[in-house]
C-alpha atoms as a PDB file:
ATOM      1  CA  MET A   1     -51.878  10.780  41.267  1.00  0.00           C
ATOM      2  CA  ARG A   2     -50.846   8.018  43.653  1.00  0.00           C
ATOM      3  CA  SER A   3     -47.140   8.595  43.020  1.00  0.00           C
ATOM      4  CA  SER A   4     -47.647  12.226  43.988  1.00  0.00           C
ATOM      5  CA  VAL A   5     -49.332  11.168  47.232  1.00  0.00           C
ATOM      6  CA  TYR A   6     -46.470   8.799  47.960  1.00  0.00           C
ATOM      7  CA  PHE A   7     -43.931  11.511  47.284  1.00  0.00           C
ATOM      8  CA  ARG A   8     -45.523  13.935  49.744  1.00  0.00           C
ATOM      9  CA  PHE A   9     -45.976  11.168  52.295  1.00  0.00           C
ATOM     10  CA  LEU A  10     -42.431   9.859  52.123  1.00  0.00           C
ATOM     11  CA  LEU A  11     -40.663  13.180  52.395  1.00  0.00           C
ATOM     12  CA  ILE A  12     -41.333  13.223  56.132  1.00  0.00           C
ATOM     13  CA  PHE A  13     -39.185  10.121  56.508  1.00  0.00           C
ATOM     14  CA  LEU A  14     -36.022  11.891  55.338  1.00  0.00           C
ATOM     15  CA  ALA A  15     -33.981  12.928  58.341  1.00  0.00           C
ATOM     16  CA  VAL A  16     -31.464  15.598  59.143  1.00  0.00           C
ATOM     17  CA  ALA A  17     -28.550  14.005  60.914  1.00  0.00           C
ATOM     18  CA  LEU A  18     -27.636  15.436  64.313  1.00  0.00           C
ATOM     19  CA  MET A  19     -30.132  18.274  64.193  1.00  0.00           C
ATOM     20  CA  GLY A  20     -32.249  19.137  67.190  1.00  0.00           C
ATOM     21  CA  CYS A  21     -35.605  18.547  65.567  1.00  0.00           C
ATOM     22  CA  ALA A  22     -38.788  18.870  67.614  1.00  0.00           C
ATOM     23  CA  SER A  23     -41.190  15.971  67.874  1.00  0.00           C
ATOM     24  CA  ARG A  24     -44.016  16.122  65.384  1.00  0.00           C
ATOM     25  CA  ASN A  25     -46.367  15.777  68.375  1.00  0.00           C
ATOM     26  CA  THR A  26     -45.136  19.027  69.975  1.00  0.00           C
ATOM     27  CA  PRO A  27     -47.776  21.756  69.541  1.00  0.00           C
ATOM     28  CA  GLN A  28     -46.625  24.781  67.585  1.00  0.00           C
ATOM     29  CA  THR A  29     -47.655  27.100  70.436  1.00  0.00           C
ATOM     30  CA  GLN A  30     -45.397  25.160  72.797  1.00  0.00           C
ATOM     31  CA  LEU A  31     -42.448  25.511  70.427  1.00  0.00           C
ATOM     32  CA  ILE A  32     -43.051  29.254  70.204  1.00  0.00           C
ATOM     33  CA  ARG A  33     -43.260  29.503  73.985  1.00  0.00           C
ATOM     34  CA  GLN A  34     -40.037  27.523  74.421  1.00  0.00           C
ATOM     35  CA  ALA A  35     -38.250  29.763  71.933  1.00  0.00           C
ATOM     36  CA  SER A  36     -39.486  32.866  73.753  1.00  0.00           C
ATOM     37  CA  GLU A  37     -38.371  31.519  77.109  1.00  0.00           C
ATOM     38  CA  TYR A  38     -34.964  30.673  75.699  1.00  0.00           C
ATOM     39  CA  ARG A  39     -34.548  34.185  74.301  1.00  0.00           C
ATOM     40  CA  GLN A  40     -35.423  35.636  77.706  1.00  0.00           C
ATOM     41  CA  MET A  41     -32.941  33.340  79.406  1.00  0.00           C
ATOM     42  CA  ILE A  42     -30.204  34.422  77.024  1.00  0.00           C
ATOM     43  CA  ASP A  43     -30.962  38.072  77.709  1.00  0.00           C
ATOM     44  CA  ARG A  44     -30.662  37.429  81.446  1.00  0.00           C
ATOM     45  CA  GLN A  45     -27.395  35.581  80.959  1.00  0.00           C
ATOM     46  CA  LYS A  46     -25.950  38.420  78.924  1.00  0.00           C
ATOM     47  CA  ALA A  47     -26.996  40.938  81.557  1.00  0.00           C
ATOM     48  CA  SER A  48     -25.437  38.932  84.381  1.00  0.00           C
ATOM     49  CA  ALA A  49     -22.272  37.788  82.653  1.00  0.00           C
ATOM     50  CA  ASP A  50     -20.066  39.313  85.361  1.00  0.00           C
ATOM     51  CA  GLU A  51     -22.210  38.283  88.329  1.00  0.00           C
ATOM     52  CA  GLU A  52     -21.824  35.606  90.972  1.00  0.00           C
ATOM     53  CA  ALA A  53     -22.203  32.626  88.615  1.00  0.00           C
ATOM     54  CA  PHE A  54     -18.998  33.513  86.806  1.00  0.00           C
ATOM     55  CA  LYS A  55     -17.155  34.507  89.996  1.00  0.00           C
ATOM     56  CA  LYS A  56     -17.191  30.848  90.987  1.00  0.00           C
ATOM     57  CA  VAL A  57     -15.257  29.903  87.851  1.00  0.00           C
ATOM     58  CA  PRO A  58     -11.477  30.198  88.090  1.00  0.00           C
ATOM     59  CA  PRO A  59     -10.092  32.844  85.742  1.00  0.00           C
ATOM     60  CA  LEU A  60      -9.711  31.365  82.275  1.00  0.00           C
ATOM     61  CA  THR A  61      -8.468  32.571  78.941  1.00  0.00           C
ATOM     62  CA  ALA A  62     -10.857  32.925  76.028  1.00  0.00           C
ATOM     63  CA  GLU A  63      -9.543  29.615  74.726  1.00  0.00           C
ATOM     64  CA  GLY A  64     -10.265  27.950  78.066  1.00  0.00           C
ATOM     65  CA  TYR A  65     -13.857  29.153  78.097  1.00  0.00           C
ATOM     66  CA  GLU A  66     -14.279  28.017  74.517  1.00  0.00           C
ATOM     67  CA  LYS A  67     -13.044  24.525  75.365  1.00  0.00           C
ATOM     68  CA  LEU A  68     -15.422  24.350  78.300  1.00  0.00           C
ATOM     69  CA  GLY A  69     -18.223  25.408  75.982  1.00  0.00           C
ATOM     70  CA  ASP A  70     -17.292  22.649  73.568  1.00  0.00           C
ATOM     71  CA  GLN A  71     -17.424  20.050  76.332  1.00  0.00           C
ATOM     72  CA  TYR A  72     -20.830  21.177  77.542  1.00  0.00           C
ATOM     73  CA  PHE A  73     -22.140  21.304  73.965  1.00  0.00           C
ATOM     74  CA  LEU A  74     -21.108  17.682  73.413  1.00  0.00           C
ATOM     75  CA  GLN A  75     -22.883  16.769  76.648  1.00  0.00           C
ATOM     76  CA  GLY A  76     -26.070  18.401  75.395  1.00  0.00           C
ATOM     77  CA  LYS A  77     -25.893  21.169  78.013  1.00  0.00           C
ATOM     78  CA  ALA A  78     -26.595  24.050  75.669  1.00  0.00           C
ATOM     79  CA  ASP A  79     -27.288  26.663  78.351  1.00  0.00           C
ATOM     80  CA  ILE A  80     -23.945  26.160  80.101  1.00  0.00           C
ATOM     81  CA  ALA A  81     -22.161  25.950  76.756  1.00  0.00           C
ATOM     82  CA  PHE A  82     -23.635  29.315  75.818  1.00  0.00           C
ATOM     83  CA  LYS A  83     -22.377  30.925  79.058  1.00  0.00           C
ATOM     84  CA  ASN A  84     -18.835  29.776  78.357  1.00  0.00           C
ATOM     85  CA  TYR A  85     -18.894  30.785  74.696  1.00  0.00           C
ATOM     86  CA  TYR A  86     -20.276  34.183  75.632  1.00  0.00           C
ATOM     87  CA  GLU A  87     -17.508  34.680  78.187  1.00  0.00           C
ATOM     88  CA  ALA A  88     -14.888  33.662  75.606  1.00  0.00           C
ATOM     89  CA  LEU A  89     -16.325  36.186  73.185  1.00  0.00           C
ATOM     90  CA  ARG A  90     -16.351  38.870  75.878  1.00  0.00           C
ATOM     91  CA  LEU A  91     -12.625  38.348  76.388  1.00  0.00           C
ATOM     92  CA  GLU A  92     -11.853  38.221  72.656  1.00  0.00           C
ATOM     93  CA  PRO A  93     -14.671  39.949  70.734  1.00  0.00           C
ATOM     94  CA  GLY A  94     -13.109  39.276  67.339  1.00  0.00           C
ATOM     95  CA  GLN A  95     -13.080  35.501  67.715  1.00  0.00           C
ATOM     96  CA  ILE A  96     -15.324  34.434  64.819  1.00  0.00           C
ATOM     97  CA  ARG A  97     -14.920  30.736  65.571  1.00  0.00           C
ATOM     98  CA  VAL A  98     -16.683  31.251  68.909  1.00  0.00           C
ATOM     99  CA  ARG A  99     -19.327  33.407  67.287  1.00  0.00           C
ATOM    100  CA  TYR A 100     -20.034  30.574  64.859  1.00  0.00           C
ATOM    101  CA  LYS A 101     -20.477  28.192  67.799  1.00  0.00           C
ATOM    102  CA  ILE A 102     -22.963  30.555  69.409  1.00  0.00           C
ATOM    103  CA  GLY A 103     -24.852  30.615  66.124  1.00  0.00           C
ATOM    104  CA  ARG A 104     -24.815  26.835  66.113  1.00  0.00           C
ATOM    105  CA  LEU A 105     -26.372  26.785  69.582  1.00  0.00           C
ATOM    106  CA  PHE A 106     -29.136  29.105  68.420  1.00  0.00           C
ATOM    107  CA  LEU A 107     -29.684  26.834  65.430  1.00  0.00           C
ATOM    108  CA  GLU A 108     -29.985  23.728  67.604  1.00  0.00           C
ATOM    109  CA  LYS A 109     -32.626  25.528  69.667  1.00  0.00           C
ATOM    110  CA  GLY A 110     -34.588  26.486  66.559  1.00  0.00           C
ATOM    111  CA  LEU A 111     -33.880  30.209  66.979  1.00  0.00           C
ATOM    112  CA  LEU A 112     -33.312  30.865  63.297  1.00  0.00           C
ATOM    113  CA  GLU A 113     -33.269  34.654  63.410  1.00  0.00           C
ATOM    114  CA  GLU A 114     -30.589  34.723  66.104  1.00  0.00           C
ATOM    115  CA  ALA A 115     -28.577  32.013  64.341  1.00  0.00           C
ATOM    116  CA  GLU A 116     -28.678  33.903  61.055  1.00  0.00           C
ATOM    117  CA  LYS A 117     -27.393  37.043  62.745  1.00  0.00           C
ATOM    118  CA  GLU A 118     -24.382  35.195  64.142  1.00  0.00           C
ATOM    119  CA  PHE A 119     -23.545  33.386  60.892  1.00  0.00           C
ATOM    120  CA  ARG A 120     -23.808  36.582  58.876  1.00  0.00           C
ATOM    121  CA  GLY A 121     -21.581  38.321  61.413  1.00  0.00           C
ATOM    122  CA  VAL A 122     -18.967  35.626  60.880  1.00  0.00           C
ATOM    123  CA  LEU A 123     -19.199  35.899  57.088  1.00  0.00           C
ATOM    124  CA  GLU A 124     -18.828  39.668  57.205  1.00  0.00           C
ATOM    125  CA  LYS A 125     -15.405  39.141  58.753  1.00  0.00           C
ATOM    126  CA  ASN A 126     -14.508  36.049  56.720  1.00  0.00           C
ATOM    127  CA  PRO A 127     -16.607  35.366  53.583  1.00  0.00           C
ATOM    128  CA  ASP A 128     -14.859  32.006  53.141  1.00  0.00           C
ATOM    129  CA  TYR A 129     -15.800  30.536  56.534  1.00  0.00           C
ATOM    130  CA  ALA A 130     -17.264  27.255  55.315  1.00  0.00           C
ATOM    131  CA  LEU A 131     -19.092  26.284  58.509  1.00  0.00           C
ATOM    132  CA  ALA A 132     -20.916  29.618  58.595  1.00  0.00           C
ATOM    133  CA  HIS A 133     -22.153  28.996  55.043  1.00  0.00           C
ATOM    134  CA  GLU A 134     -23.364  25.567  56.152  1.00  0.00           C
ATOM    135  CA  GLY A 135     -25.058  27.140  59.167  1.00  0.00           C
ATOM    136  CA  LEU A 136     -26.739  29.756  57.006  1.00  0.00           C
ATOM    137  CA  GLY A 137     -27.877  26.976  54.689  1.00  0.00           C
ATOM    138  CA  ARG A 138     -29.517  25.262  57.646  1.00  0.00           C
ATOM    139  CA  VAL A 139     -31.284  28.498  58.549  1.00  0.00           C
ATOM    140  CA  TYR A 140     -32.691  28.759  55.020  1.00  0.00           C
ATOM    141  CA  PHE A 141     -33.595  25.062  55.082  1.00  0.00           C
ATOM    142  CA  GLY A 142     -35.500  25.576  58.316  1.00  0.00           C
ATOM    143  CA  ARG A 143     -37.462  28.352  56.618  1.00  0.00           C
ATOM    144  CA  GLN A 144     -38.172  26.147  53.591  1.00  0.00           C
ATOM    145  CA  LYS A 145     -36.149  28.448  51.338  1.00  0.00           C
ATOM    146  CA  LEU A 146     -34.579  25.558  49.501  1.00  0.00           C
ATOM    147  CA  SER A 147     -33.014  27.486  46.641  1.00  0.00           C
ATOM    148  CA  GLU A 148     -31.100  29.748  49.021  1.00  0.00           C
ATOM    149  CA  ALA A 149     -30.204  26.779  51.211  1.00  0.00           C
ATOM    150  CA  GLU A 150     -28.845  24.870  48.220  1.00  0.00           C
ATOM    151  CA  LYS A 151     -26.543  27.765  47.308  1.00  0.00           C
ATOM    152  CA  GLU A 152     -25.167  28.026  50.835  1.00  0.00           C
ATOM    153  CA  PHE A 153     -24.543  24.279  51.172  1.00  0.00           C
ATOM    154  CA  ALA A 154     -22.881  24.190  47.758  1.00  0.00           C
ATOM    155  CA  ARG A 155     -20.641  27.090  48.767  1.00  0.00           C
ATOM    156  CA  ALA A 156     -19.812  25.362  52.062  1.00  0.00           C
ATOM    157  CA  ILE A 157     -18.573  22.163  50.427  1.00  0.00           C
ATOM    158  CA  GLN A 158     -16.759  24.155  47.774  1.00  0.00           C
ATOM    159  CA  LEU A 159     -14.752  25.683  50.607  1.00  0.00           C
ATOM    160  CA  ASP A 160     -14.504  22.492  52.678  1.00  0.00           C
ATOM    161  CA  SER A 161     -15.290  19.158  51.042  1.00  0.00           C
ATOM    162  CA  SER A 162     -15.329  17.366  54.422  1.00  0.00           C
ATOM    163  CA  LEU A 163     -18.660  18.896  55.529  1.00  0.00           C
ATOM    164  CA  TRP A 164     -20.746  15.736  55.382  1.00  0.00           C
ATOM    165  CA  GLN A 165     -23.876  17.326  56.811  1.00  0.00           C
ATOM    166  CA  ALA A 166     -23.931  19.819  53.943  1.00  0.00           C
ATOM    167  CA  TYR A 167     -23.959  16.864  51.528  1.00  0.00           C
ATOM    168  CA  ASN A 168     -26.810  15.287  53.509  1.00  0.00           C
ATOM    169  CA  PHE A 169     -28.872  18.462  53.338  1.00  0.00           C
ATOM    170  CA  LEU A 170     -28.255  18.749  49.614  1.00  0.00           C
ATOM    171  CA  GLY A 171     -29.457  15.178  49.210  1.00  0.00           C
ATOM    172  CA  ILE A 172     -32.710  16.015  51.005  1.00  0.00           C
ATOM    173  CA  ILE A 173     -33.184  19.159  48.916  1.00  0.00           C
ATOM    174  CA  TYR A 174     -32.658  17.261  45.667  1.00  0.00           C
ATOM    175  CA  ASP A 175     -35.089  14.554  46.780  1.00  0.00           C
ATOM    176  CA  ARG A 176     -37.735  17.226  47.299  1.00  0.00           C
ATOM    177  CA  GLN A 177     -37.008  18.494  43.816  1.00  0.00           C
ATOM    178  CA  ARG A 178     -37.180  14.917  42.461  1.00  0.00           C
ATOM    179  CA  GLU A 179     -33.594  15.188  41.288  1.00  0.00           C
ATOM    180  CA  PHE A 180     -32.800  11.688  42.487  1.00  0.00           C
ATOM    181  CA  LYS A 181     -29.481  11.340  40.683  1.00  0.00           C
ATOM    182  CA  ASN A 182     -28.117  14.417  42.452  1.00  0.00           C
ATOM    183  CA  ALA A 183     -29.618  13.251  45.746  1.00  0.00           C
ATOM    184  CA  PHE A 184     -27.912   9.858  45.408  1.00  0.00           C
ATOM    185  CA  PHE A 185     -24.555  11.493  44.690  1.00  0.00           C
ATOM    186  CA  ASN A 186     -24.731  13.703  47.774  1.00  0.00           C
ATOM    187  CA  TYR A 187     -25.853  10.935  50.121  1.00  0.00           C
ATOM    188  CA  GLN A 188     -23.002   8.794  48.862  1.00  0.00           C
ATOM    189  CA  LYS A 189     -20.551  11.625  49.516  1.00  0.00           C
ATOM    190  CA  ALA A 190     -21.909  12.006  53.051  1.00  0.00           C
ATOM    191  CA  ILE A 191     -21.649   8.257  53.685  1.00  0.00           C
ATOM    192  CA  THR A 192     -18.084   8.157  52.371  1.00  0.00           C
ATOM    193  CA  LEU A 193     -17.185  10.814  54.943  1.00  0.00           C
ATOM    194  CA  GLN A 194     -19.242   9.286  57.765  1.00  0.00           C
ATOM    195  CA  PRO A 195     -19.799   5.579  57.019  1.00  0.00           C
ATOM    196  CA  ASN A 196     -21.082   4.770  60.519  1.00  0.00           C
ATOM    197  CA  VAL A 197     -23.996   7.236  60.721  1.00  0.00           C
ATOM    198  CA  GLY A 198     -27.167   5.195  60.333  1.00  0.00           C
ATOM    199  CA  ILE A 199     -29.481   8.050  59.431  1.00  0.00           C
ATOM    200  CA  LEU A 200     -27.492   8.707  56.254  1.00  0.00           C
ATOM    201  CA  TYR A 201     -28.364   5.212  55.041  1.00  0.00           C
ATOM    202  CA  ASN A 202     -31.972   5.958  55.973  1.00  0.00           C
ATOM    203  CA  ASN A 203     -31.973   8.997  53.715  1.00  0.00           C
ATOM    204  CA  LEU A 204     -30.270   7.139  50.898  1.00  0.00           C
ATOM    205  CA  GLY A 205     -32.741   4.285  51.293  1.00  0.00           C
ATOM    206  CA  MET A 206     -35.781   6.553  51.182  1.00  0.00           C
ATOM    207  CA  SER A 207     -34.389   8.370  48.163  1.00  0.00           C
ATOM    208  CA  LEU A 208     -34.110   5.027  46.378  1.00  0.00           C
ATOM    209  CA  PHE A 209     -37.646   4.213  47.577  1.00  0.00           C
ATOM    210  CA  LEU A 210     -38.932   7.415  45.996  1.00  0.00           C
ATOM    211  CA  LYS A 211     -37.147   6.440  42.808  1.00  0.00           C
ATOM    212  CA  GLY A 212     -38.776   2.985  42.862  1.00  0.00           C
ATOM    213  CA  GLU A 213     -35.554   1.030  43.402  1.00  0.00           C
ATOM    214  CA  TYR A 214     -36.887  -1.115  46.239  1.00  0.00           C
ATOM    215  CA  GLU A 215     -34.150  -3.749  46.479  1.00  0.00           C
ATOM    216  CA  ALA A 216     -31.413  -1.105  46.696  1.00  0.00           C
ATOM    217  CA  SER A 217     -33.556   0.812  49.167  1.00  0.00           C
ATOM    218  CA  LEU A 218     -33.920  -2.308  51.312  1.00  0.00           C
ATOM    219  CA  GLU A 219     -30.161  -2.834  51.364  1.00  0.00           C
ATOM    220  CA  ALA A 220     -29.544   0.753  52.496  1.00  0.00           C
ATOM    221  CA  LEU A 221     -32.233   0.701  55.190  1.00  0.00           C
ATOM    222  CA  ILE A 222     -31.035  -2.624  56.597  1.00  0.00           C
ATOM    223  CA  GLU A 223     -27.538  -1.176  56.870  1.00  0.00           C
ATOM    224  CA  GLY A 224     -28.916   1.890  58.619  1.00  0.00           C
ATOM    225  CA  ALA A 225     -30.825  -0.293  61.079  1.00  0.00           C
ATOM    226  CA  LYS A 226     -27.673  -2.295  61.821  1.00  0.00           C
ATOM    227  CA  LEU A 227     -25.741   0.874  62.601  1.00  0.00           C
ATOM    228  CA  ASP A 228     -28.539   2.432  64.641  1.00  0.00           C
ATOM    229  CA  PRO A 229     -30.787  -0.421  65.826  1.00  0.00           C
ATOM    230  CA  ASN A 230     -32.854   1.729  68.199  1.00  0.00           C
ATOM    231  CA  ASN A 231     -33.704   4.433  65.671  1.00  0.00           C
ATOM    232  CA  LYS A 232     -37.489   4.316  65.276  1.00  0.00           C
ATOM    233  CA  ARG A 233     -37.446   6.415  62.114  1.00  0.00           C
ATOM    234  CA  ILE A 234     -35.212   3.935  60.323  1.00  0.00           C
ATOM    235  CA  LEU A 235     -37.195   0.928  61.540  1.00  0.00           C
ATOM    236  CA  ASN A 236     -40.523   2.466  60.536  1.00  0.00           C
ATOM    237  CA  ASN A 237     -39.151   3.307  57.112  1.00  0.00           C
ATOM    238  CA  LEU A 238     -37.914  -0.257  56.750  1.00  0.00           C
ATOM    239  CA  GLY A 239     -41.370  -1.495  57.705  1.00  0.00           C
ATOM    240  CA  LEU A 240     -42.970   0.812  55.157  1.00  0.00           C
ATOM    241  CA  LEU A 241     -40.677  -0.490  52.430  1.00  0.00           C
ATOM    242  CA  LEU A 242     -41.426  -4.107  53.357  1.00  0.00           C
ATOM    243  CA  CYS A 243     -45.144  -3.301  53.068  1.00  0.00           C
ATOM    244  CA  LYS A 244     -44.582  -1.871  49.618  1.00  0.00           C
ATOM    245  CA  MET A 245     -42.749  -5.057  48.667  1.00  0.00           C
ATOM    246  CA  GLY A 246     -45.678  -7.171  49.900  1.00  0.00           C
ATOM    247  CA  ARG A 247     -43.732  -8.632  52.821  1.00  0.00           C
ATOM    248  CA  PHE A 248     -46.371  -7.792  55.402  1.00  0.00           C
ATOM    249  CA  GLN A 249     -45.404 -10.192  58.183  1.00  0.00           C
ATOM    250  CA  GLU A 250     -41.826  -8.913  58.127  1.00  0.00           C
ATOM    251  CA  ALA A 251     -43.165  -5.389  58.047  1.00  0.00           C
ATOM    252  CA  PHE A 252     -45.369  -6.077  61.070  1.00  0.00           C
ATOM    253  CA  GLU A 253     -42.429  -7.461  63.068  1.00  0.00           C
ATOM    254  CA  THR A 254     -40.274  -4.473  62.079  1.00  0.00           C
ATOM    255  CA  PHE A 255     -42.961  -1.985  63.090  1.00  0.00           C
ATOM    256  CA  LYS A 256     -43.417  -3.880  66.346  1.00  0.00           C
ATOM    257  CA  SER A 257     -39.684  -3.709  67.125  1.00  0.00           C
ATOM    258  CA  SER A 258     -39.816   0.084  66.939  1.00  0.00           C
ATOM    259  CA  GLY A 259     -42.897   0.355  69.148  1.00  0.00           C
ATOM    260  CA  ASN A 260     -45.432  -2.256  70.193  1.00  0.00           C
ATOM    261  CA  GLU A 261     -48.103  -4.519  68.743  1.00  0.00           C
ATOM    262  CA  ALA A 262     -50.733  -1.754  68.643  1.00  0.00           C
ATOM    263  CA  SER A 263     -48.490   0.696  66.823  1.00  0.00           C
ATOM    264  CA  ALA A 264     -47.481  -2.044  64.383  1.00  0.00           C
ATOM    265  CA  TYR A 265     -51.123  -2.694  63.458  1.00  0.00           C
ATOM    266  CA  TYR A 266     -51.731   1.035  63.245  1.00  0.00           C
ATOM    267  CA  ASN A 267     -48.812   1.495  60.827  1.00  0.00           C
ATOM    268  CA  LEU A 268     -50.105  -1.365  58.696  1.00  0.00           C
ATOM    269  CA  GLY A 269     -53.498   0.309  58.668  1.00  0.00           C
ATOM    270  CA  CYS A 270     -51.966   3.582  57.483  1.00  0.00           C
ATOM    271  CA  PHE A 271     -50.205   1.791  54.650  1.00  0.00           C
ATOM    272  CA  TYR A 272     -53.365  -0.041  53.590  1.00  0.00           C
ATOM    273  CA  LEU A 273     -55.337   3.198  53.709  1.00  0.00           C
ATOM    274  CA  MET A 274     -52.764   4.929  51.527  1.00  0.00           C
ATOM    275  CA  GLU A 275     -52.967   2.000  49.111  1.00  0.00           C
ATOM    276  CA  LYS A 276     -56.796   2.237  49.118  1.00  0.00           C
ATOM    277  CA  LYS A 277     -57.060  -1.266  50.553  1.00  0.00           C
ATOM    278  CA  TYR A 278     -59.840  -0.196  52.864  1.00  0.00           C
ATOM    279  CA  LYS A 279     -60.937  -3.584  54.231  1.00  0.00           C
ATOM    280  CA  GLU A 280     -57.400  -4.428  55.295  1.00  0.00           C
ATOM    281  CA  ALA A 281     -57.010  -0.961  56.779  1.00  0.00           C
ATOM    282  CA  ILE A 282     -60.177  -1.336  58.853  1.00  0.00           C
ATOM    283  CA  GLN A 283     -59.058  -4.730  60.146  1.00  0.00           C
ATOM    284  CA  SER A 284     -55.630  -3.392  61.092  1.00  0.00           C
ATOM    285  CA  TYR A 285     -57.001  -0.359  62.917  1.00  0.00           C
ATOM    286  CA  GLN A 286     -59.414  -2.590  64.840  1.00  0.00           C
ATOM    287  CA  LYS A 287     -56.533  -4.847  65.888  1.00  0.00           C
ATOM    288  CA  ALA A 288     -54.613  -1.761  67.038  1.00  0.00           C
ATOM    289  CA  ILE A 289     -57.575  -0.765  69.226  1.00  0.00           C
ATOM    290  CA  ASP A 290     -57.949  -4.304  70.576  1.00  0.00           C
ATOM    291  CA  ALA A 291     -54.254  -4.498  71.423  1.00  0.00           C
ATOM    292  CA  LYS A 292     -54.166  -1.132  73.156  1.00  0.00           C
ATOM    293  CA  PRO A 293     -57.537   0.424  74.061  1.00  0.00           C
ATOM    294  CA  GLU A 294     -55.914   3.762  74.965  1.00  0.00           C
ATOM    295  CA  PHE A 295     -54.950   3.935  71.276  1.00  0.00           C
ATOM    296  CA  TYR A 296     -58.682   4.110  70.584  1.00  0.00           C
ATOM    297  CA  VAL A 297     -59.191   7.725  69.495  1.00  0.00           C
ATOM    298  CA  GLU A 298     -56.434   7.951  66.903  1.00  0.00           C
ATOM    299  CA  ALA A 299     -57.002   4.510  65.409  1.00  0.00           C
ATOM    300  CA  TYR A 300     -60.787   4.906  65.526  1.00  0.00           C
ATOM    301  CA  GLU A 301     -60.629   8.146  63.548  1.00  0.00           C
ATOM    302  CA  LYS A 302     -58.507   6.490  60.880  1.00  0.00           C
ATOM    303  CA  MET A 303     -60.774   3.459  60.836  1.00  0.00           C
ATOM    304  CA  ASN A 304     -63.827   5.650  60.259  1.00  0.00           C
ATOM    305  CA  LYS A 305     -61.997   7.333  57.396  1.00  0.00           C
ATOM    306  CA  ALA A 306     -61.313   3.922  55.856  1.00  0.00           C
ATOM    307  CA  LYS A 307     -64.951   2.881  56.329  1.00  0.00           C
ATOM    308  CA  ALA A 308     -66.191   6.046  54.641  1.00  0.00           C
ATOM    309  CA  ALA A 309     -63.814   5.500  51.725  1.00  0.00           C
ATOM    310  CA  LEU A 310     -64.927   1.881  51.434  1.00  0.00           C
ATOM    311  CA  ALA A 311     -68.581   2.902  51.365  1.00  0.00           C
ATOM    312  CA  THR A 312     -67.884   5.523  48.680  1.00  0.00           C
ATOM    313  CA  SER A 313     -65.923   3.089  46.533  1.00  0.00           C
ATOM    314  CA  ALA A 314     -68.819   0.596  46.658  1.00  0.00           C
ATOM    315  CA  LEU A 315     -71.279   3.063  45.126  1.00  0.00           C
END
């Protein structure tokens, strides 16, 4: 039973590299509203493609607009990137490479329906366009259709074995299916292609954690933290592993480095609660409240849960 709880708990620590994931604290209604607003903005941009905004831009070829779009995409300016890609596509409607990039923008914004439409449009013209298969796999992954996602990612790397993100996604899928050997293989492939991406070591480390190979997990997570020392996900996962290994002081310092003293005590409390060590959990939550009173509500709720569990276990 406990291993099942751990498995569900730890899956949230696997990360998708370079995806625009929303914070887990963002309300669902806000995400829906943002998506709606973005759709409306895109409609306005399409309607005004020939208006004053584009008159200010010197005449460019489709290739020139595409290159501008690429630059803005790399700068994180998705709206301006979209304008340039759309103009490139207006000049050369059959340019499937640009259509893929528009689909990628939709994907980064979480607009799965629009992204799917673009990727399928690309594949209708070229069924062997590897990146479009990867993009479609990400759409399915976002919808939790893991079987369909697996097929698309597998097809993508069959066509282009350099697509490291497809390997990463396959690793996550196989972890969820408890196929740890396959997960390990795919994370290793991704790391071979991109050895300096810290989050890949995070995913490998958590896969090894799920498998119970703690020392190997520790090695992977430490490497990930070295490559990406400010990544809170990696540091929190490292802290969690150190807790599991009984190295609580090191865990506390690791949690603290990714947040503050209050959050470190809170994380310890969550681990103790999961382990059914209720007295330790209560003490940790109280220390979190003492260290940061504004942390009161969240920690207090958890502390009451631990107290109730302790009282039940004493009966």
